[in-house]
Protein backbone atom coordinates (compact mmCIF):
# COMPACT_ATOMS: atom_id res chain seq x y z
CA MET A 1 31.93 18.13 -15.88
CA ALA A 2 29.58 18.91 -13.03
CA ASP A 3 30.25 17.80 -9.48
CA ILE A 4 27.97 15.52 -7.49
CA ASP A 5 26.10 17.47 -4.81
CA HIS A 6 24.61 14.55 -2.95
CA PHE A 7 23.08 11.06 -3.22
CA MET A 8 19.48 10.26 -2.22
CA TYR A 9 18.96 7.14 -0.06
CA ALA A 10 15.24 6.57 0.03
CA CYS A 11 12.26 4.58 1.31
CA ALA A 12 8.58 4.99 1.77
CA ASP A 13 8.95 4.63 5.54
CA PHE A 14 11.14 7.36 7.11
CA ASP A 15 11.69 5.56 10.43
CA LEU A 16 12.68 2.32 8.67
CA LEU A 17 15.07 4.30 6.46
CA VAL A 18 16.86 6.02 9.37
CA LYS A 19 17.04 2.71 11.34
CA ASN A 20 18.46 0.90 8.30
CA PHE A 21 21.16 3.45 7.75
CA ARG A 22 22.10 3.58 11.38
CA GLU A 23 22.36 -0.22 11.58
CA LEU A 24 24.35 -0.45 8.35
CA THR A 25 26.87 2.31 9.13
CA GLY A 26 26.79 2.98 12.87
CA ILE A 27 26.18 6.67 12.02
CA GLU A 28 23.42 8.81 13.46
CA PRO A 29 22.11 11.13 10.68
CA SER A 30 21.90 14.82 11.33
CA PRO A 31 18.51 16.57 11.53
CA GLY A 32 17.13 17.75 8.26
CA GLY A 33 13.56 18.92 7.85
CA SER A 34 10.37 18.88 5.78
CA HIS A 35 9.92 19.98 2.20
CA PRO A 36 6.48 21.66 2.10
CA ASP A 37 6.51 21.93 -1.73
CA LEU A 38 7.41 18.28 -2.25
CA GLY A 39 5.63 16.53 0.66
CA THR A 40 8.88 14.94 1.83
CA ARG A 41 11.24 15.05 4.78
CA ASN A 42 14.89 14.25 5.17
CA LYS A 43 18.01 13.75 7.38
CA LEU A 44 21.58 14.31 6.18
CA ILE A 45 24.97 12.73 6.65
CA GLY A 46 28.22 14.61 6.07
CA THR A 47 31.23 12.87 4.55
CA ALA A 48 34.91 13.56 4.26
CA SER A 49 34.10 15.57 1.09
CA SER A 50 31.53 18.22 0.12
CA THR A 51 29.33 15.46 -1.31
CA TYR A 52 26.76 14.42 1.36
CA LEU A 53 24.10 11.80 1.78
CA GLU A 54 20.39 12.59 2.06
CA LEU A 55 17.91 10.14 3.73
CA ILE A 56 14.54 11.10 2.16
CA ALA A 57 10.96 9.82 2.50
CA PRO A 58 7.40 10.99 2.25
CA ASP A 59 6.28 13.22 5.18
CA PRO A 60 2.91 11.95 6.42
CA SER A 61 2.32 15.28 8.18
CA LEU A 62 2.16 17.06 4.80
CA ALA A 63 -0.81 16.82 2.49
CA ARG A 64 1.29 17.98 -0.48
CA GLN A 65 1.72 15.51 -3.34
CA SER A 66 4.52 15.60 -5.85
CA PRO A 67 6.16 13.27 -8.47
CA LEU A 68 9.07 12.82 -6.07
CA ARG A 69 6.79 11.90 -3.19
CA GLN A 70 4.90 9.44 -5.43
CA ALA A 71 8.19 7.80 -6.44
CA LEU A 72 9.38 7.50 -2.88
CA SER A 73 6.01 6.07 -1.78
CA GLY A 74 6.69 3.05 -4.02
CA ILE A 75 10.06 2.18 -2.43
CA ALA A 76 9.37 -0.61 0.08
CA ALA A 77 12.92 -1.14 1.30
CA PRO A 78 15.72 1.46 1.69
CA ARG A 79 17.85 1.89 -1.44
CA LEU A 80 19.95 4.36 -3.35
CA HIS A 81 17.48 6.47 -5.38
CA ARG A 82 18.98 9.32 -7.29
CA VAL A 83 22.12 11.39 -7.94
CA ILE A 84 21.80 15.18 -7.54
CA VAL A 85 24.36 17.24 -9.42
CA LEU A 86 25.62 20.65 -8.46
CA GLY A 87 24.58 23.21 -11.05
CA LYS A 88 24.06 26.93 -11.68
CA SER A 89 20.73 28.57 -12.36
CA GLU A 90 22.02 30.11 -15.58
CA ASP A 91 22.88 26.62 -16.85
CA LEU A 92 19.54 25.03 -16.05
CA PRO A 93 17.67 26.11 -19.28
CA ALA A 94 20.38 24.44 -21.37
CA ILE A 95 20.07 21.28 -19.30
CA ILE A 96 16.32 21.36 -19.75
CA ARG A 97 16.85 21.60 -23.56
CA ALA A 98 19.24 18.70 -23.45
CA TYR A 99 16.72 16.63 -21.61
CA ALA A 100 13.98 17.63 -24.13
CA ALA A 101 16.26 16.59 -27.03
CA ALA A 102 16.54 13.16 -25.37
CA GLY A 103 12.75 12.90 -24.93
CA VAL A 104 12.67 13.77 -21.27
CA GLN A 105 10.43 16.43 -19.78
CA ALA A 106 12.18 18.37 -17.00
CA GLU A 107 11.50 21.56 -14.96
CA ALA A 108 13.36 23.72 -12.55
CA ARG A 109 11.54 24.75 -9.36
CA ALA A 110 12.35 27.15 -6.55
CA LEU A 111 12.12 25.26 -3.24
CA SER A 112 12.81 25.95 0.43
CA ARG A 113 12.59 24.55 3.89
CA ILE A 114 13.14 25.77 7.50
CA ASN A 115 15.88 23.99 9.44
CA ASP A 116 15.99 23.23 13.19
CA ALA A 117 17.61 26.60 13.89
CA GLY A 118 14.69 28.43 12.21
CA ASP A 119 16.70 29.46 9.17
CA THR A 120 15.12 29.32 5.75
CA LEU A 121 17.10 27.36 3.15
CA SER A 122 16.36 28.14 -0.50
CA TRP A 123 17.49 26.50 -3.70
CA ARG A 124 16.48 25.67 -7.26
CA LEU A 125 16.04 22.08 -8.26
CA LEU A 126 15.82 20.74 -11.82
CA MET A 127 13.82 17.52 -11.86
CA PRO A 128 13.32 15.24 -14.88
CA ALA A 129 9.92 13.55 -15.02
CA ALA A 130 9.84 10.47 -12.76
CA ASP A 131 8.53 8.29 -15.67
CA ASN A 132 11.35 9.27 -18.00
CA PRO A 133 12.81 6.52 -20.19
CA TYR A 134 16.21 6.71 -18.39
CA GLY A 135 14.82 6.19 -14.88
CA ILE A 136 17.27 6.88 -12.08
CA PHE A 137 20.05 7.43 -14.67
CA ALA A 138 18.46 10.88 -15.35
CA PRO A 139 20.15 12.99 -12.65
CA LEU A 140 18.63 16.00 -10.86
CA PHE A 141 20.49 19.38 -10.74
CA ILE A 142 20.52 21.72 -7.83
CA ASP A 143 21.63 25.32 -7.34
CA TRP A 144 21.88 26.48 -3.70
CA GLN A 145 22.01 30.17 -4.81
CA ASP A 146 22.67 32.31 -1.75
CA THR A 147 22.16 29.48 0.75
CA ALA A 148 25.34 28.01 2.30
CA HIS A 149 26.00 24.52 1.02
CA PRO A 150 24.62 21.85 3.37
CA SER A 151 28.02 20.22 3.73
CA THR A 152 29.34 23.36 5.50
CA ARG A 153 26.57 23.09 8.14
CA LEU A 154 26.82 19.38 8.89
CA PRO A 155 28.88 18.13 11.83
CA PRO A 156 31.86 15.97 11.00
CA ALA A 157 30.73 12.38 10.41
CA PRO A 158 32.98 9.28 10.42
CA CYS A 159 31.98 8.55 6.85
CA ALA A 160 33.90 8.74 3.62
CA ILE A 161 32.80 8.05 0.02
CA LEU A 162 35.26 5.57 -1.41
CA GLY A 163 33.82 5.63 -4.84
CA TYR A 164 30.69 5.11 -6.97
CA GLU A 165 29.79 3.24 -10.10
CA ALA A 166 26.89 2.31 -12.38
CA GLY A 167 26.12 -0.44 -14.80
CA HIS A 168 23.51 -0.60 -17.59
CA PRO A 169 22.62 -2.96 -20.48
CA ARG A 170 22.91 0.01 -22.91
CA PRO A 171 25.73 2.16 -21.57
CA ALA A 172 26.25 4.02 -24.80
CA GLU A 173 22.70 5.38 -24.61
CA ILE A 174 23.21 6.49 -21.05
CA ARG A 175 26.58 7.99 -21.80
CA ALA A 176 25.14 9.97 -24.68
CA LEU A 177 22.57 11.51 -22.28
CA TRP A 178 25.22 12.29 -19.66
CA ASP A 179 27.51 13.89 -22.18
CA ALA A 180 24.69 16.18 -23.35
CA LEU A 181 24.01 17.14 -19.70
CA GLY A 182 27.69 17.73 -18.86
CA PHE A 183 27.57 14.96 -16.33
CA ASP A 184 30.02 12.09 -15.73
CA PHE A 185 29.87 8.96 -13.59
CA PRO A 186 31.77 5.62 -13.84
CA LEU A 187 29.63 3.40 -16.14
CA THR A 188 30.05 -0.14 -17.39
CA ARG A 189 27.93 -2.57 -19.36
CA ALA A 190 25.86 -4.81 -17.02
CA ASP A 191 22.99 -7.32 -17.50
CA ALA A 192 20.84 -5.38 -15.02
CA ALA A 193 20.93 -1.63 -14.40
CA TYR A 194 22.30 -0.41 -11.12
CA MET A 195 24.00 2.40 -9.26
CA LYS A 196 26.21 1.99 -6.22
CA VAL A 197 28.01 4.20 -3.70
CA ASN A 198 30.79 2.69 -1.58
CA LEU A 199 31.30 4.12 1.92
CA ASP A 200 33.88 3.70 4.68
CA THR A 201 31.97 3.79 7.95
CA PRO A 202 32.47 2.86 11.63
CA LYS A 203 31.04 -0.50 10.76
CA GLY A 204 33.46 -1.03 7.86
CA LYS A 205 32.87 -0.78 4.16
CA VAL A 206 29.23 -0.42 3.16
CA ALA A 207 27.61 -0.23 -0.33
CA LEU A 208 24.42 1.70 -0.92
CA THR A 209 22.81 0.27 -4.07
CA THR A 210 19.74 0.80 -6.21
């Protein structure tokens, strides 16, 4: 089963997003950058593992529109948005076919950004359509290729991921999709769909939820 690369914590307002995370956790996010191909920007938080947290929002300085930017523009209050899974470029065509078999259009794109040090970071990102029938339960897949993994460049942060979970009214349907994608995540039956990440932070235990 594939490993989780990172979690997206998102909002339409970047300043509100950063302020919210700082007040919740007592952690100052590390600088990220803008994504010219997506019209978004981010900041990052390292954890005690290689799985990191990404604060992401539309970048008003960029004119570029994308399905991801449009989805983020509709998020009024900060919330957990998506799970991004670590993948390999050679596996992405099979994942696209698995999505297609489930009625989900997906594409893999080559993306890049320049960090504060002036270095260009490049990766491939497989994104299911934002309006897919599984919603946020359709994970993204990322291959960092020759770029060093972001977790190796982040300063140590007093943050640990204690666990994560999800609930859905139709868990068997979600599980069937995940099995086809080679992805696993704790999942139970619930009246309302949700995903949650539990953190240990300087301000105690914090849950980021959808």
